[in-house]
Amino acid sequence: MNDEVTRYIDKLPAWQIDVCRQLRAMVHKTIPGAEEQIQYGKPHFSKNGQHAALIHAAKTKVSFMVFNASEIEPIKGVLRSMGNGERKTADIVEGQDIDYDLLAEFVAKASSSL
């Protein structure tokens, strides 16, 4: 695990630390050998040198973005399209129930061709 990513997560409010740690663990379980680094001030996860996912903690939410996600349909209230639809984002707020297994399915599908 990358120390910079750990520092990014550990400086957040408690609820965001929990969410980010679980997202990080889910990515590493779903993409064995995933590389992680801070890019553009946010934790990015890559497979074979290509972006697979990122975590962005904002004041009131944690956004989890999946790259290479054109084939994944948006789900209202769970996953929204970004830009041309190649990226999908889940916005997570404090107290929200999070289906990490569903997010792992999105990551697995999107990263399978990387």
PDB file of N, CA and C in Angstrom:
ATOM      1  N   MET A   1       0.839  -1.179   0.000  1.00  0.00           N
ATOM      2  CA  MET A   1       0.000   0.000   0.000  1.00  0.00           C
ATOM      3  C   MET A   1       0.891   1.253   0.000  1.00  0.00           C
ATOM      4  N   ASN A   2       0.441   2.251  -0.693  1.00  0.00           N
ATOM      5  CA  ASN A   2       1.185   3.485  -0.860  1.00  0.00           C
ATOM      6  C   ASN A   2       1.005   4.386   0.370  1.00  0.00           C
ATOM      7  N   ASP A   3       2.117   4.848   0.945  1.00  0.00           N
ATOM      8  CA  ASP A   3       2.064   5.682   2.150  1.00  0.00           C
ATOM      9  C   ASP A   3       1.344   7.003   1.914  1.00  0.00           C
ATOM     10  N   GLU A   4       1.492   7.583   0.722  1.00  0.00           N
ATOM     11  CA  GLU A   4       0.796   8.839   0.417  1.00  0.00           C
ATOM     12  C   GLU A   4      -0.717   8.642   0.436  1.00  0.00           C
ATOM     13  N   VAL A   5      -1.177   7.530  -0.095  1.00  0.00           N
ATOM     14  CA  VAL A   5      -2.611   7.235  -0.086  1.00  0.00           C
ATOM     15  C   VAL A   5      -3.082   7.044   1.352  1.00  0.00           C
ATOM     16  N   THR A   6      -2.295   6.351   2.146  1.00  0.00           N
ATOM     17  CA  THR A   6      -2.642   6.163   3.559  1.00  0.00           C
ATOM     18  C   THR A   6      -2.760   7.509   4.267  1.00  0.00           C
ATOM     19  N   ARG A   7      -1.818   8.413   4.034  1.00  0.00           N
ATOM     20  CA  ARG A   7      -1.869   9.741   4.665  1.00  0.00           C
ATOM     21  C   ARG A   7      -3.093  10.525   4.199  1.00  0.00           C
ATOM     22  N   TYR A   8      -3.421  10.437   2.908  1.00  0.00           N
ATOM     23  CA  TYR A   8      -4.611  11.114   2.371  1.00  0.00           C
ATOM     24  C   TYR A   8      -5.853  10.659   3.135  1.00  0.00           C
ATOM     25  N   ILE A   9      -5.984   9.367   3.299  1.00  0.00           N
ATOM     26  CA  ILE A   9      -7.163   8.803   3.962  1.00  0.00           C
ATOM     27  C   ILE A   9      -7.167   9.139   5.452  1.00  0.00           C
ATOM     28  N   ASP A  10      -6.041   8.992   6.107  1.00  0.00           N
ATOM     29  CA  ASP A  10      -5.981   9.145   7.566  1.00  0.00           C
ATOM     30  C   ASP A  10      -6.230  10.569   8.060  1.00  0.00           C
ATOM     31  N   LYS A  11      -6.157  11.558   7.180  1.00  0.00           N
ATOM     32  CA  LYS A  11      -6.396  12.944   7.616  1.00  0.00           C
ATOM     33  C   LYS A  11      -7.872  13.348   7.494  1.00  0.00           C
ATOM     34  N   LEU A  12      -8.713  12.452   7.021  1.00  0.00           N
ATOM     35  CA  LEU A  12     -10.129  12.751   6.795  1.00  0.00           C
ATOM     36  C   LEU A  12     -10.945  12.595   8.073  1.00  0.00           C
ATOM     37  N   PRO A  13     -12.189  13.110   8.075  1.00  0.00           N
ATOM     38  CA  PRO A  13     -13.105  12.839   9.192  1.00  0.00           C
ATOM     39  C   PRO A  13     -13.352  11.330   9.321  1.00  0.00           C
ATOM     40  N   ALA A  14     -13.701  10.903  10.525  1.00  0.00           N
ATOM     41  CA  ALA A  14     -13.812   9.466  10.838  1.00  0.00           C
ATOM     42  C   ALA A  14     -14.695   8.702   9.865  1.00  0.00           C
ATOM     43  N   TRP A  15     -15.863   9.236   9.510  1.00  0.00           N
ATOM     44  CA  TRP A  15     -16.756   8.480   8.627  1.00  0.00           C
ATOM     45  C   TRP A  15     -16.137   8.316   7.242  1.00  0.00           C
ATOM     46  N   GLN A  16     -15.399   9.342   6.774  1.00  0.00           N
ATOM     47  CA  GLN A  16     -14.758   9.246   5.463  1.00  0.00           C
ATOM     48  C   GLN A  16     -13.570   8.289   5.503  1.00  0.00           C
ATOM     49  N   ILE A  17     -12.860   8.253   6.628  1.00  0.00           N
ATOM     50  CA  ILE A  17     -11.766   7.290   6.772  1.00  0.00           C
ATOM     51  C   ILE A  17     -12.306   5.878   6.594  1.00  0.00           C
ATOM     52  N   ASP A  18     -13.402   5.577   7.263  1.00  0.00           N
ATOM     53  CA  ASP A  18     -13.993   4.239   7.175  1.00  0.00           C
ATOM     54  C   ASP A  18     -14.388   3.903   5.739  1.00  0.00           C
ATOM     55  N   VAL A  19     -15.084   4.817   5.079  1.00  0.00           N
ATOM     56  CA  VAL A  19     -15.521   4.589   3.695  1.00  0.00           C
ATOM     57  C   VAL A  19     -14.312   4.407   2.780  1.00  0.00           C
ATOM     58  N   CYS A  20     -13.336   5.296   2.880  1.00  0.00           N
ATOM     59  CA  CYS A  20     -12.170   5.230   1.993  1.00  0.00           C
ATOM     60  C   CYS A  20     -11.346   3.968   2.217  1.00  0.00           C
ATOM     61  N   ARG A  21     -11.195   3.570   3.469  1.00  0.00           N
ATOM     62  CA  ARG A  21     -10.466   2.325   3.738  1.00  0.00           C
ATOM     63  C   ARG A  21     -11.187   1.129   3.132  1.00  0.00           C
ATOM     64  N   GLN A  22     -12.501   1.110   3.246  1.00  0.00           N
ATOM     65  CA  GLN A  22     -13.253  -0.011   2.672  1.00  0.00           C
ATOM     66  C   GLN A  22     -13.206   0.007   1.148  1.00  0.00           C
ATOM     67  N   LEU A  23     -13.297   1.187   0.544  1.00  0.00           N
ATOM     68  CA  LEU A  23     -13.178   1.281  -0.915  1.00  0.00           C
ATOM     69  C   LEU A  23     -11.792   0.819  -1.369  1.00  0.00           C
ATOM     70  N   ARG A  24     -10.773   1.256  -0.670  1.00  0.00           N
ATOM     71  CA  ARG A  24      -9.392   0.874  -1.006  1.00  0.00           C
ATOM     72  C   ARG A  24      -9.222  -0.636  -0.935  1.00  0.00           C
ATOM     73  N   ALA A  25      -9.683  -1.233   0.143  1.00  0.00           N
ATOM     74  CA  ALA A  25      -9.571  -2.687   0.301  1.00  0.00           C
ATOM     75  C   ALA A  25     -10.353  -3.411  -0.784  1.00  0.00           C
ATOM     76  N   MET A  26     -11.536  -2.891  -1.114  1.00  0.00           N
ATOM     77  CA  MET A  26     -12.362  -3.509  -2.152  1.00  0.00           C
ATOM     78  C   MET A  26     -11.647  -3.477  -3.502  1.00  0.00           C
ATOM     79  N   VAL A  27     -11.026  -2.347  -3.833  1.00  0.00           N
ATOM     80  CA  VAL A  27     -10.305  -2.251  -5.106  1.00  0.00           C
ATOM     81  C   VAL A  27      -9.174  -3.278  -5.144  1.00  0.00           C
ATOM     82  N   HIS A  28      -8.401  -3.378  -4.074  1.00  0.00           N
ATOM     83  CA  HIS A  28      -7.276  -4.319  -4.065  1.00  0.00           C
ATOM     84  C   HIS A  28      -7.743  -5.774  -4.095  1.00  0.00           C
ATOM     85  N   LYS A  29      -8.876  -6.055  -3.501  1.00  0.00           N
ATOM     86  CA  LYS A  29      -9.422  -7.416  -3.558  1.00  0.00           C
ATOM     87  C   LYS A  29      -9.950  -7.722  -4.961  1.00  0.00           C
ATOM     88  N   THR A  30     -10.559  -6.734  -5.591  1.00  0.00           N
ATOM     89  CA  THR A  30     -11.174  -6.915  -6.908  1.00  0.00           C
ATOM     90  C   THR A  30     -10.140  -6.924  -8.025  1.00  0.00           C
ATOM     91  N   ILE A  31      -9.094  -6.116  -7.872  1.00  0.00           N
ATOM     92  CA  ILE A  31      -8.023  -6.035  -8.876  1.00  0.00           C
ATOM     93  C   ILE A  31      -6.712  -6.431  -8.198  1.00  0.00           C
ATOM     94  N   PRO A  32      -6.439  -7.726  -8.102  1.00  0.00           N
ATOM     95  CA  PRO A  32      -5.171  -8.143  -7.485  1.00  0.00           C
ATOM     96  C   PRO A  32      -3.992  -7.488  -8.210  1.00  0.00           C
ATOM     97  N   GLY A  33      -3.079  -6.949  -7.444  1.00  0.00           N
ATOM     98  CA  GLY A  33      -1.918  -6.296  -8.037  1.00  0.00           C
ATOM     99  C   GLY A  33      -2.158  -4.865  -8.470  1.00  0.00           C
ATOM    100  N   ALA A  34      -3.318  -4.307  -8.149  1.00  0.00           N
ATOM    101  CA  ALA A  34      -3.590  -2.912  -8.511  1.00  0.00           C
ATOM    102  C   ALA A  34      -2.522  -2.015  -7.904  1.00  0.00           C
ATOM    103  N   GLU A  35      -2.107  -1.042  -8.679  1.00  0.00           N
ATOM    104  CA  GLU A  35      -1.151  -0.055  -8.190  1.00  0.00           C
ATOM    105  C   GLU A  35      -1.938   1.157  -7.721  1.00  0.00           C
ATOM    106  N   GLU A  36      -1.430   1.827  -6.691  1.00  0.00           N
ATOM    107  CA  GLU A  36      -2.103   3.026  -6.199  1.00  0.00           C
ATOM    108  C   GLU A  36      -1.093   4.142  -6.028  1.00  0.00           C
ATOM    109  N   GLN A  37      -1.561   5.349  -6.283  1.00  0.00           N
ATOM    110  CA  GLN A  37      -0.718   6.521  -6.116  1.00  0.00           C
ATOM    111  C   GLN A  37      -1.604   7.753  -6.006  1.00  0.00           C
ATOM    112  N   ILE A  38      -1.025   8.819  -5.473  1.00  0.00           N
ATOM    113  CA  ILE A  38      -1.725  10.097  -5.456  1.00  0.00           C
ATOM    114  C   ILE A  38      -1.430  10.780  -6.782  1.00  0.00           C
ATOM    115  N   GLN A  39      -2.482  11.110  -7.509  1.00  0.00           N
ATOM    116  CA  GLN A  39      -2.376  11.860  -8.756  1.00  0.00           C
ATOM    117  C   GLN A  39      -3.437  12.937  -8.718  1.00  0.00           C
ATOM    118  N   TYR A  40      -3.065  14.151  -9.100  1.00  0.00           N
ATOM    119  CA  TYR A  40      -4.011  15.269  -9.068  1.00  0.00           C
ATOM    120  C   TYR A  40      -4.617  15.431  -7.673  1.00  0.00           C
ATOM    121  N   GLY A  41      -3.846  15.074  -6.638  1.00  0.00           N
ATOM    122  CA  GLY A  41      -4.277  15.247  -5.263  1.00  0.00           C
ATOM    123  C   GLY A  41      -5.243  14.201  -4.742  1.00  0.00           C
ATOM    124  N   LYS A  42      -5.479  13.132  -5.519  1.00  0.00           N
ATOM    125  CA  LYS A  42      -6.443  12.099  -5.132  1.00  0.00           C
ATOM    126  C   LYS A  42      -5.845  10.704  -5.317  1.00  0.00           C
ATOM    127  N   PRO A  43      -6.286   9.737  -4.504  1.00  0.00           N
ATOM    128  CA  PRO A  43      -5.834   8.361  -4.704  1.00  0.00           C
ATOM    129  C   PRO A  43      -6.381   7.780  -6.015  1.00  0.00           C
ATOM    130  N   HIS A  44      -5.478   7.349  -6.871  1.00  0.00           N
ATOM    131  CA  HIS A  44      -5.823   6.683  -8.127  1.00  0.00           C
ATOM    132  C   HIS A  44      -5.352   5.232  -8.051  1.00  0.00           C
ATOM    133  N   PHE A  45      -6.130   4.345  -8.614  1.00  0.00           N
ATOM    134  CA  PHE A  45      -5.804   2.923  -8.671  1.00  0.00           C
ATOM    135  C   PHE A  45      -5.702   2.540 -10.137  1.00  0.00           C
ATOM    136  N   SER A  46      -4.646   1.810 -10.483  1.00  0.00           N
ATOM    137  CA  SER A  46      -4.456   1.446 -11.883  1.00  0.00           C
ATOM    138  C   SER A  46      -4.165  -0.038 -12.034  1.00  0.00           C
ATOM    139  N   LYS A  47      -4.437  -0.501 -13.234  1.00  0.00           N
ATOM    140  CA  LYS A  47      -4.159  -1.882 -13.625  1.00  0.00           C
ATOM    141  C   LYS A  47      -3.425  -1.813 -14.956  1.00  0.00           C
ATOM    142  N   ASN A  48      -2.279  -2.455 -15.021  1.00  0.00           N
ATOM    143  CA  ASN A  48      -1.474  -2.446 -16.247  1.00  0.00           C
ATOM    144  C   ASN A  48      -1.208  -1.026 -16.746  1.00  0.00           C
ATOM    145  N   GLY A  49      -1.002  -0.101 -15.803  1.00  0.00           N
ATOM    146  CA  GLY A  49      -0.676   1.272 -16.156  1.00  0.00           C
ATOM    147  C   GLY A  49      -1.851   2.135 -16.568  1.00  0.00           C
ATOM    148  N   GLN A  50      -3.054   1.608 -16.516  1.00  0.00           N
ATOM    149  CA  GLN A  50      -4.248   2.364 -16.917  1.00  0.00           C
ATOM    150  C   GLN A  50      -5.141   2.610 -15.707  1.00  0.00           C
ATOM    151  N   HIS A  51      -5.704   3.819 -15.640  1.00  0.00           N
ATOM    152  CA  HIS A  51      -6.587   4.160 -14.521  1.00  0.00           C
ATOM    153  C   HIS A  51      -7.762   3.197 -14.450  1.00  0.00           C
ATOM    154  N   ALA A  52      -8.029   2.708 -13.247  1.00  0.00           N
ATOM    155  CA  ALA A  52      -9.178   1.834 -13.010  1.00  0.00           C
ATOM    156  C   ALA A  52     -10.205   2.506 -12.108  1.00  0.00           C
ATOM    157  N   ALA A  53      -9.740   3.237 -11.084  1.00  0.00           N
ATOM    158  CA  ALA A  53     -10.659   3.875 -10.138  1.00  0.00           C
ATOM    159  C   ALA A  53      -9.933   4.990  -9.403  1.00  0.00           C
ATOM    160  N   LEU A  54     -10.721   5.860  -8.776  1.00  0.00           N
ATOM    161  CA  LEU A  54     -10.155   6.879  -7.903  1.00  0.00           C
ATOM    162  C   LEU A  54     -11.121   7.181  -6.774  1.00  0.00           C
ATOM    163  N   ILE A  55     -10.562   7.698  -5.700  1.00  0.00           N
ATOM    164  CA  ILE A  55     -11.335   8.133  -4.542  1.00  0.00           C
ATOM    165  C   ILE A  55     -11.100   9.629  -4.378  1.00  0.00           C
ATOM    166  N   HIS A  56     -12.190  10.365  -4.162  1.00  0.00           N
ATOM    167  CA  HIS A  56     -12.074  11.798  -3.892  1.00  0.00           C
ATOM    168  C   HIS A  56     -12.949  12.140  -2.700  1.00  0.00           C
ATOM    169  N   ALA A  57     -12.324  12.632  -1.647  1.00  0.00           N
ATOM    170  CA  ALA A  57     -13.071  13.042  -0.458  1.00  0.00           C
ATOM    171  C   ALA A  57     -13.306  14.543  -0.522  1.00  0.00           C
ATOM    172  N   ALA A  58     -14.569  14.933  -0.498  1.00  0.00           N
ATOM    173  CA  ALA A  58     -14.958  16.338  -0.448  1.00  0.00           C
ATOM    174  C   ALA A  58     -15.537  16.613   0.938  1.00  0.00           C
ATOM    175  N   LYS A  59     -15.957  17.828   1.164  1.00  0.00           N
ATOM    176  CA  LYS A  59     -16.421  18.211   2.502  1.00  0.00           C
ATOM    177  C   LYS A  59     -17.588  17.358   2.988  1.00  0.00           C
ATOM    178  N   THR A  60     -18.545  17.065   2.106  1.00  0.00           N
ATOM    179  CA  THR A  60     -19.767  16.373   2.543  1.00  0.00           C
ATOM    180  C   THR A  60     -19.960  15.000   1.922  1.00  0.00           C
ATOM    181  N   LYS A  61     -18.981  14.542   1.130  1.00  0.00           N
ATOM    182  CA  LYS A  61     -19.158  13.245   0.465  1.00  0.00           C
ATOM    183  C   LYS A  61     -17.814  12.634   0.115  1.00  0.00           C
ATOM    184  N   VAL A  62     -17.863  11.363  -0.235  1.00  0.00           N
ATOM    185  CA  VAL A  62     -16.740  10.663  -0.842  1.00  0.00           C
ATOM    186  C   VAL A  62     -17.221  10.222  -2.217  1.00  0.00           C
ATOM    187  N   SER A  63     -16.488  10.594  -3.248  1.00  0.00           N
ATOM    188  CA  SER A  63     -16.820  10.153  -4.599  1.00  0.00           C
ATOM    189  C   SER A  63     -15.873   9.025  -4.984  1.00  0.00           C
ATOM    190  N   PHE A  64     -16.444   7.985  -5.557  1.00  0.00           N
ATOM    191  CA  PHE A  64     -15.671   6.840  -6.029  1.00  0.00           C
ATOM    192  C   PHE A  64     -15.919   6.722  -7.521  1.00  0.00           C
ATOM    193  N   MET A  65     -14.882   6.961  -8.312  1.00  0.00           N
ATOM    194  CA  MET A  65     -15.015   6.953  -9.766  1.00  0.00           C
ATOM    195  C   MET A  65     -14.397   5.693 -10.355  1.00  0.00           C
ATOM    196  N   VAL A  66     -15.112   5.108 -11.304  1.00  0.00           N
ATOM    197  CA  VAL A  66     -14.647   3.932 -12.030  1.00  0.00           C
ATOM    198  C   VAL A  66     -14.389   4.356 -13.474  1.00  0.00           C
ATOM    199  N   PHE A  67     -13.212   4.043 -13.981  1.00  0.00           N
ATOM    200  CA  PHE A  67     -12.844   4.353 -15.364  1.00  0.00           C
ATOM    201  C   PHE A  67     -13.167   3.164 -16.267  1.00  0.00           C
ATOM    202  N   ASN A  68     -13.150   3.414 -17.587  1.00  0.00           N
ATOM    203  CA  ASN A  68     -13.382   2.356 -18.579  1.00  0.00           C
ATOM    204  C   ASN A  68     -14.761   1.728 -18.375  1.00  0.00           C
ATOM    205  N   ALA A  69     -15.728   2.568 -18.014  1.00  0.00           N
ATOM    206  CA  ALA A  69     -17.040   2.076 -17.589  1.00  0.00           C
ATOM    207  C   ALA A  69     -18.154   2.333 -18.600  1.00  0.00           C
ATOM    208  N   SER A  70     -17.814   2.460 -19.868  1.00  0.00           N
ATOM    209  CA  SER A  70     -18.830   2.727 -20.893  1.00  0.00           C
ATOM    210  C   SER A  70     -19.930   1.681 -20.921  1.00  0.00           C
ATOM    211  N   GLU A  71     -19.582   0.437 -20.641  1.00  0.00           N
ATOM    212  CA  GLU A  71     -20.546  -0.668 -20.715  1.00  0.00           C
ATOM    213  C   GLU A  71     -21.399  -0.810 -19.450  1.00  0.00           C
ATOM    214  N   ILE A  72     -21.132   0.003 -18.454  1.00  0.00           N
ATOM    215  CA  ILE A  72     -21.888  -0.075 -17.204  1.00  0.00           C
ATOM    216  C   ILE A  72     -22.985   0.979 -17.228  1.00  0.00           C
ATOM    217  N   GLU A  73     -24.210   0.552 -17.017  1.00  0.00           N
ATOM    218  CA  GLU A  73     -25.342   1.473 -17.032  1.00  0.00           C
ATOM    219  C   GLU A  73     -25.399   2.252 -15.718  1.00  0.00           C
ATOM    220  N   PRO A  74     -25.692   3.549 -15.798  1.00  0.00           N
ATOM    221  CA  PRO A  74     -25.891   4.311 -14.564  1.00  0.00           C
ATOM    222  C   PRO A  74     -27.083   3.741 -13.786  1.00  0.00           C
ATOM    223  N   ILE A  75     -27.034   3.863 -12.483  1.00  0.00           N
ATOM    224  CA  ILE A  75     -28.130   3.429 -11.621  1.00  0.00           C
ATOM    225  C   ILE A  75     -28.511   4.630 -10.766  1.00  0.00           C
ATOM    226  N   LYS A  76     -29.730   5.110 -10.922  1.00  0.00           N
ATOM    227  CA  LYS A  76     -30.176   6.305 -10.210  1.00  0.00           C
ATOM    228  C   LYS A  76     -29.931   6.152  -8.704  1.00  0.00           C
ATOM    229  N   GLY A  77     -29.274   7.153  -8.139  1.00  0.00           N
ATOM    230  CA  GLY A  77     -28.992   7.157  -6.713  1.00  0.00           C
ATOM    231  C   GLY A  77     -27.794   6.324  -6.295  1.00  0.00           C
ATOM    232  N   VAL A  78     -27.191   5.620  -7.257  1.00  0.00           N
ATOM    233  CA  VAL A  78     -26.038   4.770  -6.944  1.00  0.00           C
ATOM    234  C   VAL A  78     -24.827   5.156  -7.782  1.00  0.00           C
ATOM    235  N   LEU A  79     -25.011   5.232  -9.088  1.00  0.00           N
ATOM    236  CA  LEU A  79     -23.895   5.422 -10.012  1.00  0.00           C
ATOM    237  C   LEU A  79     -24.329   6.363 -11.122  1.00  0.00           C
ATOM    238  N   ARG A  80     -23.584   7.453 -11.308  1.00  0.00           N
ATOM    239  CA  ARG A  80     -23.933   8.417 -12.351  1.00  0.00           C
ATOM    240  C   ARG A  80     -22.824   8.484 -13.397  1.00  0.00           C
ATOM    241  N   SER A  81     -23.205   8.849 -14.612  1.00  0.00           N
ATOM    242  CA  SER A  81     -22.241   8.994 -15.705  1.00  0.00           C
ATOM    243  C   SER A  81     -21.493  10.305 -15.577  1.00  0.00           C
ATOM    244  N   MET A  82     -20.255  10.278 -16.014  1.00  0.00           N
ATOM    245  CA  MET A  82     -19.418  11.474 -16.065  1.00  0.00           C
ATOM    246  C   MET A  82     -18.949  11.651 -17.504  1.00  0.00           C
ATOM    247  N   GLY A  83     -18.932  12.886 -17.960  1.00  0.00           N
ATOM    248  CA  GLY A  83     -18.432  13.171 -19.300  1.00  0.00           C
ATOM    249  C   GLY A  83     -19.174  12.396 -20.367  1.00  0.00           C
ATOM    250  N   ASN A  84     -18.428  11.659 -21.176  1.00  0.00           N
ATOM    251  CA  ASN A  84     -19.021  10.898 -22.279  1.00  0.00           C
ATOM    252  C   ASN A  84     -19.516   9.519 -21.848  1.00  0.00           C
ATOM    253  N   GLY A  85     -19.535   9.253 -20.550  1.00  0.00           N
ATOM    254  CA  GLY A  85     -20.019   7.968 -20.045  1.00  0.00           C
ATOM    255  C   GLY A  85     -18.928   6.945 -19.821  1.00  0.00           C
ATOM    256  N   GLU A  86     -17.690   7.302 -20.161  1.00  0.00           N
ATOM    257  CA  GLU A  86     -16.565   6.382 -19.970  1.00  0.00           C
ATOM    258  C   GLU A  86     -16.235   6.232 -18.488  1.00  0.00           C
ATOM    259  N   ARG A  87     -16.647   7.220 -17.710  1.00  0.00           N
ATOM    260  CA  ARG A  87     -16.438   7.180 -16.257  1.00  0.00           C
ATOM    261  C   ARG A  87     -17.790   7.172 -15.556  1.00  0.00           C
ATOM    262  N   LYS A  88     -17.864   6.436 -14.464  1.00  0.00           N
ATOM    263  CA  LYS A  88     -19.069   6.409 -13.631  1.00  0.00           C
ATOM    264  C   LYS A  88     -18.642   6.715 -12.200  1.00  0.00           C
ATOM    265  N   THR A  89     -19.500   7.437 -11.481  1.00  0.00           N
ATOM    266  CA  THR A  89     -19.167   7.862 -10.125  1.00  0.00           C
ATOM    267  C   THR A  89     -20.277   7.525  -9.148  1.00  0.00           C
ATOM    268  N   ALA A  90     -19.874   7.012  -7.997  1.00  0.00           N
ATOM    269  CA  ALA A  90     -20.778   6.817  -6.862  1.00  0.00           C
ATOM    270  C   ALA A  90     -20.440   7.894  -5.842  1.00  0.00           C
ATOM    271  N   ASP A  91     -21.440   8.683  -5.460  1.00  0.00           N
ATOM    272  CA  ASP A  91     -21.264   9.703  -4.428  1.00  0.00           C
ATOM    273  C   ASP A  91     -21.822   9.161  -3.121  1.00  0.00           C
ATOM    274  N   ILE A  92     -20.992   9.141  -2.095  1.00  0.00           N
ATOM    275  CA  ILE A  92     -21.337   8.530  -0.812  1.00  0.00           C
ATOM    276  C   ILE A  92     -21.346   9.615   0.254  1.00  0.00           C
ATOM    277  N   VAL A  93     -22.448   9.695   0.996  1.00  0.00           N
ATOM    278  CA  VAL A  93     -22.563  10.683   2.068  1.00  0.00           C
ATOM    279  C   VAL A  93     -22.595   9.978   3.419  1.00  0.00           C
ATOM    280  N   GLU A  94     -22.353  10.740   4.461  1.00  0.00           N
ATOM    281  CA  GLU A  94     -22.307  10.188   5.811  1.00  0.00           C
ATOM    282  C   GLU A  94     -23.617   9.489   6.159  1.00  0.00           C
ATOM    283  N   GLY A  95     -23.508   8.298   6.723  1.00  0.00           N
ATOM    284  CA  GLY A  95     -24.674   7.536   7.152  1.00  0.00           C
ATOM    285  C   GLY A  95     -25.324   6.696   6.069  1.00  0.00           C
ATOM    286  N   GLN A  96     -24.872   6.822   4.844  1.00  0.00           N
ATOM    287  CA  GLN A  96     -25.448   6.078   3.719  1.00  0.00           C
ATOM    288  C   GLN A  96     -25.046   4.612   3.782  1.00  0.00           C
ATOM    289  N   ASP A  97     -25.999   3.731   3.475  1.00  0.00           N
ATOM    290  CA  ASP A  97     -25.665   2.315   3.320  1.00  0.00           C
ATOM    291  C   ASP A  97     -24.924   2.153   1.996  1.00  0.00           C
ATOM    292  N   ILE A  98     -23.819   1.458   2.029  1.00  0.00           N
ATOM    293  CA  ILE A  98     -22.980   1.303   0.839  1.00  0.00           C
ATOM    294  C   ILE A  98     -22.908  -0.165   0.477  1.00  0.00           C
ATOM    295  N   ASP A  99     -23.234  -0.470  -0.763  1.00  0.00           N
ATOM    296  CA  ASP A  99     -23.154  -1.840  -1.254  1.00  0.00           C
ATOM    297  C   ASP A  99     -21.779  -2.027  -1.905  1.00  0.00           C
ATOM    298  N   TYR A 100     -20.789  -2.357  -1.090  1.00  0.00           N
ATOM    299  CA  TYR A 100     -19.427  -2.526  -1.597  1.00  0.00           C
ATOM    300  C   TYR A 100     -19.336  -3.679  -2.589  1.00  0.00           C
ATOM    301  N   ASP A 101     -20.178  -4.688  -2.435  1.00  0.00           N
ATOM    302  CA  ASP A 101     -20.170  -5.805  -3.386  1.00  0.00           C
ATOM    303  C   ASP A 101     -20.615  -5.338  -4.766  1.00  0.00           C
ATOM    304  N   LEU A 102     -21.625  -4.473  -4.815  1.00  0.00           N
ATOM    305  CA  LEU A 102     -22.086  -3.935  -6.093  1.00  0.00           C
ATOM    306  C   LEU A 102     -20.999  -3.064  -6.720  1.00  0.00           C
ATOM    307  N   LEU A 103     -20.365  -2.225  -5.918  1.00  0.00           N
ATOM    308  CA  LEU A 103     -19.271  -1.408  -6.445  1.00  0.00           C
ATOM    309  C   LEU A 103     -18.132  -2.288  -6.951  1.00  0.00           C
ATOM    310  N   ALA A 104     -17.855  -3.378  -6.253  1.00  0.00           N
ATOM    311  CA  ALA A 104     -16.814  -4.314  -6.697  1.00  0.00           C
ATOM    312  C   ALA A 104     -17.176  -4.927  -8.046  1.00  0.00           C
ATOM    313  N   GLU A 105     -18.458  -5.216  -8.261  1.00  0.00           N
ATOM    314  CA  GLU A 105     -18.893  -5.740  -9.564  1.00  0.00           C
ATOM    315  C   GLU A 105     -18.596  -4.733 -10.666  1.00  0.00           C
ATOM    316  N   PHE A 106     -18.869  -3.451 -10.403  1.00  0.00           N
ATOM    317  CA  PHE A 106     -18.582  -2.411 -11.396  1.00  0.00           C
ATOM    318  C   PHE A 106     -17.087  -2.344 -11.685  1.00  0.00           C
ATOM    319  N   VAL A 107     -16.283  -2.377 -10.638  1.00  0.00           N
ATOM    320  CA  VAL A 107     -14.825  -2.312 -10.798  1.00  0.00           C
ATOM    321  C   VAL A 107     -14.328  -3.524 -11.579  1.00  0.00           C
ATOM    322  N   ALA A 108     -14.822  -4.701 -11.246  1.00  0.00           N
ATOM    323  CA  ALA A 108     -14.393  -5.926 -11.934  1.00  0.00           C
ATOM    324  C   ALA A 108     -14.731  -5.865 -13.416  1.00  0.00           C
ATOM    325  N   LYS A 109     -15.953  -5.449 -13.725  1.00  0.00           N
ATOM    326  CA  LYS A 109     -16.379  -5.384 -15.129  1.00  0.00           C
ATOM    327  C   LYS A 109     -15.566  -4.340 -15.892  1.00  0.00           C
ATOM    328  N   ALA A 110     -15.421  -3.156 -15.306  1.00  0.00           N
ATOM    329  CA  ALA A 110     -14.725  -2.074 -15.998  1.00  0.00           C
ATOM    330  C   ALA A 110     -13.235  -2.362 -16.173  1.00  0.00           C
ATOM    331  N   SER A 111     -12.629  -3.030 -15.213  1.00  0.00           N
ATOM    332  CA  SER A 111     -11.179  -3.260 -15.279  1.00  0.00           C
ATOM    333  C   SER A 111     -10.806  -4.546 -16.007  1.00  0.00           C
ATOM    334  N   SER A 112     -11.786  -5.344 -16.376  1.00  0.00           N
ATOM    335  CA  SER A 112     -11.485  -6.648 -16.987  1.00  0.00           C
ATOM    336  C   SER A 112     -10.724  -6.532 -18.306  1.00  0.00           C
ATOM    337  N   SER A 113     -10.909  -5.424 -19.021  1.00  0.00           N
ATOM    338  CA  SER A 113     -10.235  -5.285 -20.314  1.00  0.00           C
ATOM    339  C   SER A 113      -8.969  -4.434 -20.234  1.00  0.00           C
ATOM    340  N   LEU A 114      -8.586  -4.033 -19.033  1.00  0.00           N
ATOM    341  CA  LEU A 114      -7.364  -3.218 -18.897  1.00  0.00           C
ATOM    342  C   LEU A 114      -6.120  -4.091 -18.901  1.00  0.00           C
TER     343      LEU A 114
END
